[in-house]
Amino acid sequence: MLESINRAQAIYGIERITLAASLDAVTVEFDASRLRVADIEATLRRCGLPVSQPARETVVAVTPEPAPPSVPNQA
């Protein structure tokens, strides 16, 4: 199984794959601008890892706060 995880982790856009302590699940961190959840599932299957249930996708949108307006120097 570790060999399959290593193959999948070498795919461009996959940042990290972590095996659960129970050895029955993995967590995949990936670049969402390059891959979709369906791509990850297909990659895991291609590398020999069974995907038995749909991924639970959590999307957190982070919006940076706007910079405060600049104040001209009053010298």
PDB file of N, CA and C in Angstrom:
ATOM      1  N   MET A   1       0.825  -1.182   0.000  1.00  0.00           N
ATOM      2  CA  MET A   1       0.000   0.000   0.000  1.00  0.00           C
ATOM      3  C   MET A   1       0.880   1.260   0.000  1.00  0.00           C
ATOM      4  N   LEU A   2       1.986   1.239   0.745  1.00  0.00           N
ATOM      5  CA  LEU A   2       2.847   2.420   0.800  1.00  0.00           C
ATOM      6  C   LEU A   2       3.458   2.735  -0.554  1.00  0.00           C
ATOM      7  N   GLU A   3       3.758   1.705  -1.324  1.00  0.00           N
ATOM      8  CA  GLU A   3       4.290   1.927  -2.667  1.00  0.00           C
ATOM      9  C   GLU A   3       3.246   2.634  -3.540  1.00  0.00           C
ATOM     10  N   SER A   4       2.002   2.254  -3.419  1.00  0.00           N
ATOM     11  CA  SER A   4       0.923   2.896  -4.173  1.00  0.00           C
ATOM     12  C   SER A   4       0.749   4.353  -3.748  1.00  0.00           C
ATOM     13  N   ILE A   5       0.852   4.605  -2.454  1.00  0.00           N
ATOM     14  CA  ILE A   5       0.751   5.976  -1.953  1.00  0.00           C
ATOM     15  C   ILE A   5       1.905   6.812  -2.484  1.00  0.00           C
ATOM     16  N   ASN A   6       3.101   6.250  -2.485  1.00  0.00           N
ATOM     17  CA  ASN A   6       4.258   6.981  -3.014  1.00  0.00           C
ATOM     18  C   ASN A   6       4.079   7.324  -4.488  1.00  0.00           C
ATOM     19  N   ARG A   7       3.534   6.385  -5.275  1.00  0.00           N
ATOM     20  CA  ARG A   7       3.285   6.668  -6.693  1.00  0.00           C
ATOM     21  C   ARG A   7       2.282   7.806  -6.849  1.00  0.00           C
ATOM     22  N   ALA A   8       1.220   7.772  -6.067  1.00  0.00           N
ATOM     23  CA  ALA A   8       0.195   8.811  -6.159  1.00  0.00           C
ATOM     24  C   ALA A   8       0.748  10.160  -5.699  1.00  0.00           C
ATOM     25  N   GLN A   9       1.581  10.153  -4.688  1.00  0.00           N
ATOM     26  CA  GLN A   9       2.121  11.398  -4.156  1.00  0.00           C
ATOM     27  C   GLN A   9       3.071  12.074  -5.141  1.00  0.00           C
ATOM     28  N   ALA A  10       3.592  11.327  -6.083  1.00  0.00           N
ATOM     29  CA  ALA A  10       4.504  11.888  -7.082  1.00  0.00           C
ATOM     30  C   ALA A  10       3.765  12.645  -8.181  1.00  0.00           C
ATOM     31  N   ILE A  11       2.436  12.591  -8.207  1.00  0.00           N
ATOM     32  CA  ILE A  11       1.650  13.270  -9.238  1.00  0.00           C
ATOM     33  C   ILE A  11       1.673  14.777  -8.991  1.00  0.00           C
ATOM     34  N   TYR A  12       1.925  15.524 -10.057  1.00  0.00           N
ATOM     35  CA  TYR A  12       1.978  16.980  -9.962  1.00  0.00           C
ATOM     36  C   TYR A  12       0.631  17.509  -9.488  1.00  0.00           C
ATOM     37  N   GLY A  13       0.641  18.326  -8.452  1.00  0.00           N
ATOM     38  CA  GLY A  13      -0.579  18.901  -7.895  1.00  0.00           C
ATOM     39  C   GLY A  13      -0.983  18.254  -6.588  1.00  0.00           C
ATOM     40  N   ILE A  14      -0.495  17.050  -6.320  1.00  0.00           N
ATOM     41  CA  ILE A  14      -0.759  16.409  -5.032  1.00  0.00           C
ATOM     42  C   ILE A  14       0.345  16.853  -4.080  1.00  0.00           C
ATOM     43  N   GLU A  15      -0.061  17.509  -3.015  1.00  0.00           N
ATOM     44  CA  GLU A  15       0.902  18.063  -2.068  1.00  0.00           C
ATOM     45  C   GLU A  15       1.343  17.033  -1.024  1.00  0.00           C
ATOM     46  N   ARG A  16       0.377  16.304  -0.468  1.00  0.00           N
ATOM     47  CA  ARG A  16       0.698  15.364   0.602  1.00  0.00           C
ATOM     48  C   ARG A  16      -0.408  14.324   0.713  1.00  0.00           C
ATOM     49  N   ILE A  17      -0.019  13.103   0.995  1.00  0.00           N
ATOM     50  CA  ILE A  17      -0.973  12.032   1.279  1.00  0.00           C
ATOM     51  C   ILE A  17      -0.614  11.476   2.647  1.00  0.00           C
ATOM     52  N   THR A  18      -1.588  11.473   3.530  1.00  0.00           N
ATOM     53  CA  THR A  18      -1.373  10.992   4.890  1.00  0.00           C
ATOM     54  C   THR A  18      -2.237   9.770   5.128  1.00  0.00           C
ATOM     55  N   LEU A  19      -1.621   8.701   5.585  1.00  0.00           N
ATOM     56  CA  LEU A  19      -2.329   7.465   5.900  1.00  0.00           C
ATOM     57  C   LEU A  19      -2.878   7.551   7.316  1.00  0.00           C
ATOM     58  N   ALA A  20      -4.149   7.217   7.486  1.00  0.00           N
ATOM     59  CA  ALA A  20      -4.777   7.243   8.810  1.00  0.00           C
ATOM     60  C   ALA A  20      -4.153   6.176   9.703  1.00  0.00           C
ATOM     61  N   ALA A  21      -4.157   6.414  10.993  1.00  0.00           N
ATOM     62  CA  ALA A  21      -3.599   5.456  11.959  1.00  0.00           C
ATOM     63  C   ALA A  21      -4.294   4.101  11.869  1.00  0.00           C
ATOM     64  N   SER A  22      -5.562   4.110  11.480  1.00  0.00           N
ATOM     65  CA  SER A  22      -6.323   2.870  11.349  1.00  0.00           C
ATOM     66  C   SER A  22      -5.972   2.104  10.075  1.00  0.00           C
ATOM     67  N   LEU A  23      -5.157   2.712   9.208  1.00  0.00           N
ATOM     68  CA  LEU A  23      -4.701   2.119   7.948  1.00  0.00           C
ATOM     69  C   LEU A  23      -5.831   1.824   6.961  1.00  0.00           C
ATOM     70  N   ASP A  24      -6.973   2.480   7.139  1.00  0.00           N
ATOM     71  CA  ASP A  24      -8.096   2.224   6.228  1.00  0.00           C
ATOM     72  C   ASP A  24      -8.549   3.467   5.466  1.00  0.00           C
ATOM     73  N   ALA A  25      -7.784   4.555   5.588  1.00  0.00           N
ATOM     74  CA  ALA A  25      -8.160   5.786   4.897  1.00  0.00           C
ATOM     75  C   ALA A  25      -6.920   6.647   4.684  1.00  0.00           C
ATOM     76  N   VAL A  26      -7.008   7.503   3.697  1.00  0.00           N
ATOM     77  CA  VAL A  26      -5.941   8.477   3.459  1.00  0.00           C
ATOM     78  C   VAL A  26      -6.549   9.871   3.374  1.00  0.00           C
ATOM     79  N   THR A  27      -5.755  10.850   3.702  1.00  0.00           N
ATOM     80  CA  THR A  27      -6.115  12.245   3.516  1.00  0.00           C
ATOM     81  C   THR A  27      -5.180  12.783   2.444  1.00  0.00           C
ATOM     82  N   VAL A  28      -5.766  13.415   1.431  1.00  0.00           N
ATOM     83  CA  VAL A  28      -4.977  13.932   0.319  1.00  0.00           C
ATOM     84  C   VAL A  28      -5.084  15.449   0.319  1.00  0.00           C
ATOM     85  N   GLU A  29      -3.943  16.103   0.419  1.00  0.00           N
ATOM     86  CA  GLU A  29      -3.884  17.554   0.279  1.00  0.00           C
ATOM     87  C   GLU A  29      -3.400  17.830  -1.130  1.00  0.00           C
ATOM     88  N   PHE A  30      -4.128  18.701  -1.838  1.00  0.00           N
ATOM     89  CA  PHE A  30      -3.782  18.936  -3.237  1.00  0.00           C
ATOM     90  C   PHE A  30      -4.039  20.372  -3.629  1.00  0.00           C
ATOM     91  N   ASP A  31      -3.459  20.757  -4.739  1.00  0.00           N
ATOM     92  CA  ASP A  31      -3.615  22.092  -5.301  1.00  0.00           C
ATOM     93  C   ASP A  31      -4.920  22.103  -6.093  1.00  0.00           C
ATOM     94  N   ALA A  32      -5.924  22.751  -5.543  1.00  0.00           N
ATOM     95  CA  ALA A  32      -7.251  22.760  -6.167  1.00  0.00           C
ATOM     96  C   ALA A  32      -7.282  23.567  -7.461  1.00  0.00           C
ATOM     97  N   SER A  33      -6.249  24.343  -7.726  1.00  0.00           N
ATOM     98  CA  SER A  33      -6.214  25.064  -9.001  1.00  0.00           C
ATOM     99  C   SER A  33      -5.733  24.153 -10.124  1.00  0.00           C
ATOM    100  N   ARG A  34      -5.210  22.998  -9.772  1.00  0.00           N
ATOM    101  CA  ARG A  34      -4.697  22.057 -10.766  1.00  0.00           C
ATOM    102  C   ARG A  34      -5.508  20.762 -10.865  1.00  0.00           C
ATOM    103  N   LEU A  35      -6.109  20.343  -9.756  1.00  0.00           N
ATOM    104  CA  LEU A  35      -6.825  19.068  -9.712  1.00  0.00           C
ATOM    105  C   LEU A  35      -8.195  19.241  -9.075  1.00  0.00           C
ATOM    106  N   ARG A  36      -9.098  18.331  -9.447  1.00  0.00           N
ATOM    107  CA  ARG A  36     -10.420  18.262  -8.819  1.00  0.00           C
ATOM    108  C   ARG A  36     -10.487  16.974  -8.007  1.00  0.00           C
ATOM    109  N   VAL A  37     -11.490  16.848  -7.170  1.00  0.00           N
ATOM    110  CA  VAL A  37     -11.649  15.647  -6.352  1.00  0.00           C
ATOM    111  C   VAL A  37     -11.742  14.412  -7.245  1.00  0.00           C
ATOM    112  N   ALA A  38     -12.453  14.515  -8.367  1.00  0.00           N
ATOM    113  CA  ALA A  38     -12.571  13.382  -9.293  1.00  0.00           C
ATOM    114  C   ALA A  38     -11.199  12.982  -9.841  1.00  0.00           C
ATOM    115  N   ASP A  39     -10.325  13.953 -10.086  1.00  0.00           N
ATOM    116  CA  ASP A  39      -8.964  13.653 -10.550  1.00  0.00           C
ATOM    117  C   ASP A  39      -8.187  12.881  -9.490  1.00  0.00           C
ATOM    118  N   ILE A  40      -8.344  13.286  -8.248  1.00  0.00           N
ATOM    119  CA  ILE A  40      -7.641  12.612  -7.142  1.00  0.00           C
ATOM    120  C   ILE A  40      -8.122  11.176  -7.029  1.00  0.00           C
ATOM    121  N   GLU A  41      -9.429  10.981  -7.059  1.00  0.00           N
ATOM    122  CA  GLU A  41      -9.966   9.619  -6.956  1.00  0.00           C
ATOM    123  C   GLU A  41      -9.463   8.748  -8.103  1.00  0.00           C
ATOM    124  N   ALA A  42      -9.445   9.285  -9.314  1.00  0.00           N
ATOM    125  CA  ALA A  42      -8.962   8.524 -10.471  1.00  0.00           C
ATOM    126  C   ALA A  42      -7.477   8.205 -10.319  1.00  0.00           C
ATOM    127  N   THR A  43      -6.707   9.144  -9.819  1.00  0.00           N
ATOM    128  CA  THR A  43      -5.271   8.924  -9.611  1.00  0.00           C
ATOM    129  C   THR A  43      -5.036   7.833  -8.577  1.00  0.00           C
ATOM    130  N   LEU A  44      -5.773   7.869  -7.480  1.00  0.00           N
ATOM    131  CA  LEU A  44      -5.619   6.840  -6.449  1.00  0.00           C
ATOM    132  C   LEU A  44      -5.936   5.459  -7.017  1.00  0.00           C
ATOM    133  N   ARG A  45      -7.000   5.366  -7.790  1.00  0.00           N
ATOM    134  CA  ARG A  45      -7.362   4.074  -8.406  1.00  0.00           C
ATOM    135  C   ARG A  45      -6.281   3.604  -9.378  1.00  0.00           C
ATOM    136  N   ARG A  46      -5.775   4.536 -10.201  1.00  0.00           N
ATOM    137  CA  ARG A  46      -4.732   4.195 -11.172  1.00  0.00           C
ATOM    138  C   ARG A  46      -3.458   3.697 -10.492  1.00  0.00           C
ATOM    139  N   CYS A  47      -3.188   4.217  -9.293  1.00  0.00           N
ATOM    140  CA  CYS A  47      -1.990   3.826  -8.552  1.00  0.00           C
ATOM    141  C   CYS A  47      -2.211   2.563  -7.727  1.00  0.00           C
ATOM    142  N   GLY A  48      -3.413   2.010  -7.790  1.00  0.00           N
ATOM    143  CA  GLY A  48      -3.680   0.752  -7.106  1.00  0.00           C
ATOM    144  C   GLY A  48      -4.304   0.880  -5.740  1.00  0.00           C
ATOM    145  N   LEU A  49      -4.782   2.069  -5.392  1.00  0.00           N
ATOM    146  CA  LEU A  49      -5.442   2.256  -4.096  1.00  0.00           C
ATOM    147  C   LEU A  49      -6.950   2.204  -4.294  1.00  0.00           C
ATOM    148  N   PRO A  50      -7.640   1.367  -3.555  1.00  0.00           N
ATOM    149  CA  PRO A  50      -9.089   1.282  -3.712  1.00  0.00           C
ATOM    150  C   PRO A  50      -9.771   2.533  -3.154  1.00  0.00           C
ATOM    151  N   VAL A  51     -10.742   3.026  -3.876  1.00  0.00           N
ATOM    152  CA  VAL A  51     -11.556   4.150  -3.412  1.00  0.00           C
ATOM    153  C   VAL A  51     -12.949   3.579  -3.223  1.00  0.00           C
ATOM    154  N   SER A  52     -13.314   3.344  -1.962  1.00  0.00           N
ATOM    155  CA  SER A  52     -14.563   2.638  -1.696  1.00  0.00           C
ATOM    156  C   SER A  52     -15.730   3.558  -1.388  1.00  0.00           C
ATOM    157  N   GLN A  53     -15.460   4.809  -1.085  1.00  0.00           N
ATOM    158  CA  GLN A  53     -16.552   5.733  -0.816  1.00  0.00           C
ATOM    159  C   GLN A  53     -16.189   7.102  -1.369  1.00  0.00           C
ATOM    160  N   PRO A  54     -17.176   7.878  -1.728  1.00  0.00           N
ATOM    161  CA  PRO A  54     -16.900   9.207  -2.270  1.00  0.00           C
ATOM    162  C   PRO A  54     -16.133  10.051  -1.260  1.00  0.00           C
ATOM    163  N   ALA A  55     -15.319  10.928  -1.782  1.00  0.00           N
ATOM    164  CA  ALA A  55     -14.548  11.820  -0.918  1.00  0.00           C
ATOM    165  C   ALA A  55     -15.475  12.802  -0.228  1.00  0.00           C
ATOM    166  N   ARG A  56     -15.143  13.110   0.993  1.00  0.00           N
ATOM    167  CA  ARG A  56     -15.846  14.183   1.702  1.00  0.00           C
ATOM    168  C   ARG A  56     -15.047  15.444   1.429  1.00  0.00           C
ATOM    169  N   GLU A  57     -15.636  16.321   0.675  1.00  0.00           N
ATOM    170  CA  GLU A  57     -14.932  17.524   0.255  1.00  0.00           C
ATOM    171  C   GLU A  57     -15.327  18.683   1.158  1.00  0.00           C
ATOM    172  N   THR A  58     -14.342  19.327   1.714  1.00  0.00           N
ATOM    173  CA  THR A  58     -14.577  20.511   2.511  1.00  0.00           C
ATOM    174  C   THR A  58     -13.901  21.671   1.807  1.00  0.00           C
ATOM    175  N   VAL A  59     -14.670  22.674   1.507  1.00  0.00           N
ATOM    176  CA  VAL A  59     -14.128  23.842   0.821  1.00  0.00           C
ATOM    177  C   VAL A  59     -14.226  25.027   1.775  1.00  0.00           C
ATOM    178  N   VAL A  60     -13.103  25.644   2.007  1.00  0.00           N
ATOM    179  CA  VAL A  60     -13.070  26.827   2.852  1.00  0.00           C
ATOM    180  C   VAL A  60     -12.583  27.972   1.994  1.00  0.00           C
ATOM    181  N   ALA A  61     -13.425  28.966   1.829  1.00  0.00           N
ATOM    182  CA  ALA A  61     -13.049  30.127   1.027  1.00  0.00           C
ATOM    183  C   ALA A  61     -12.404  31.157   1.939  1.00  0.00           C
ATOM    184  N   VAL A  62     -11.237  31.562   1.581  1.00  0.00           N
ATOM    185  CA  VAL A  62     -10.525  32.571   2.366  1.00  0.00           C
ATOM    186  C   VAL A  62     -10.420  33.824   1.517  1.00  0.00           C
ATOM    187  N   THR A  63     -10.995  34.885   2.014  1.00  0.00           N
ATOM    188  CA  THR A  63     -10.945  36.157   1.311  1.00  0.00           C
ATOM    189  C   THR A  63     -10.033  37.087   2.102  1.00  0.00           C
ATOM    190  N   PRO A  64      -8.936  37.487   1.493  1.00  0.00           N
ATOM    191  CA  PRO A  64      -8.046  38.386   2.237  1.00  0.00           C
ATOM    192  C   PRO A  64      -8.724  39.720   2.508  1.00  0.00           C
ATOM    193  N   GLU A  65      -8.426  40.264   3.679  1.00  0.00           N
ATOM    194  CA  GLU A  65      -8.987  41.570   4.004  1.00  0.00           C
ATOM    195  C   GLU A  65      -8.315  42.623   3.135  1.00  0.00           C
ATOM    196  N   PRO A  66      -9.077  43.601   2.673  1.00  0.00           N
ATOM    197  CA  PRO A  66      -8.450  44.641   1.857  1.00  0.00           C
ATOM    198  C   PRO A  66      -7.456  45.436   2.683  1.00  0.00           C
ATOM    199  N   ALA A  67      -6.414  45.889   2.029  1.00  0.00           N
ATOM    200  CA  ALA A  67      -5.410  46.702   2.708  1.00  0.00           C
ATOM    201  C   ALA A  67      -6.028  48.041   3.078  1.00  0.00           C
ATOM    202  N   PRO A  68      -5.626  48.577   4.221  1.00  0.00           N
ATOM    203  CA  PRO A  68      -6.166  49.886   4.587  1.00  0.00           C
ATOM    204  C   PRO A  68      -5.705  50.933   3.585  1.00  0.00           C
ATOM    205  N   PRO A  69      -6.516  51.959   3.370  1.00  0.00           N
ATOM    206  CA  PRO A  69      -6.111  52.979   2.406  1.00  0.00           C
ATOM    207  C   PRO A  69      -4.824  53.643   2.873  1.00  0.00           C
ATOM    208  N   SER A  70      -3.972  53.940   1.901  1.00  0.00           N
ATOM    209  CA  SER A  70      -2.714  54.580   2.265  1.00  0.00           C
ATOM    210  C   SER A  70      -2.950  56.036   2.593  1.00  0.00           C
ATOM    211  N   VAL A  71      -2.222  56.475   3.579  1.00  0.00           N
ATOM    212  CA  VAL A  71      -2.324  57.871   4.016  1.00  0.00           C
ATOM    213  C   VAL A  71      -1.085  58.593   3.522  1.00  0.00           C
ATOM    214  N   PRO A  72      -1.255  59.683   2.759  1.00  0.00           N
ATOM    215  CA  PRO A  72      -0.072  60.390   2.276  1.00  0.00           C
ATOM    216  C   PRO A  72       0.732  60.977   3.434  1.00  0.00           C
ATOM    217  N   ASN A  73       2.045  61.001   3.255  1.00  0.00           N
ATOM    218  CA  ASN A  73       2.905  61.590   4.286  1.00  0.00           C
ATOM    219  C   ASN A  73       2.588  63.064   4.448  1.00  0.00           C
ATOM    220  N   GLN A  74       2.426  63.487   5.654  1.00  0.00           N
ATOM    221  CA  GLN A  74       2.160  64.898   5.924  1.00  0.00           C
ATOM    222  C   GLN A  74       3.385  65.488   6.595  1.00  0.00           C
ATOM    223  N   ALA A  75       4.391  65.762   5.811  1.00  0.00           N
ATOM    224  CA  ALA A  75       5.631  66.274   6.376  1.00  0.00           C
ATOM    225  C   ALA A  75       5.723  67.755   6.291  1.00  0.00           C
TER     226      ALA A  75
END
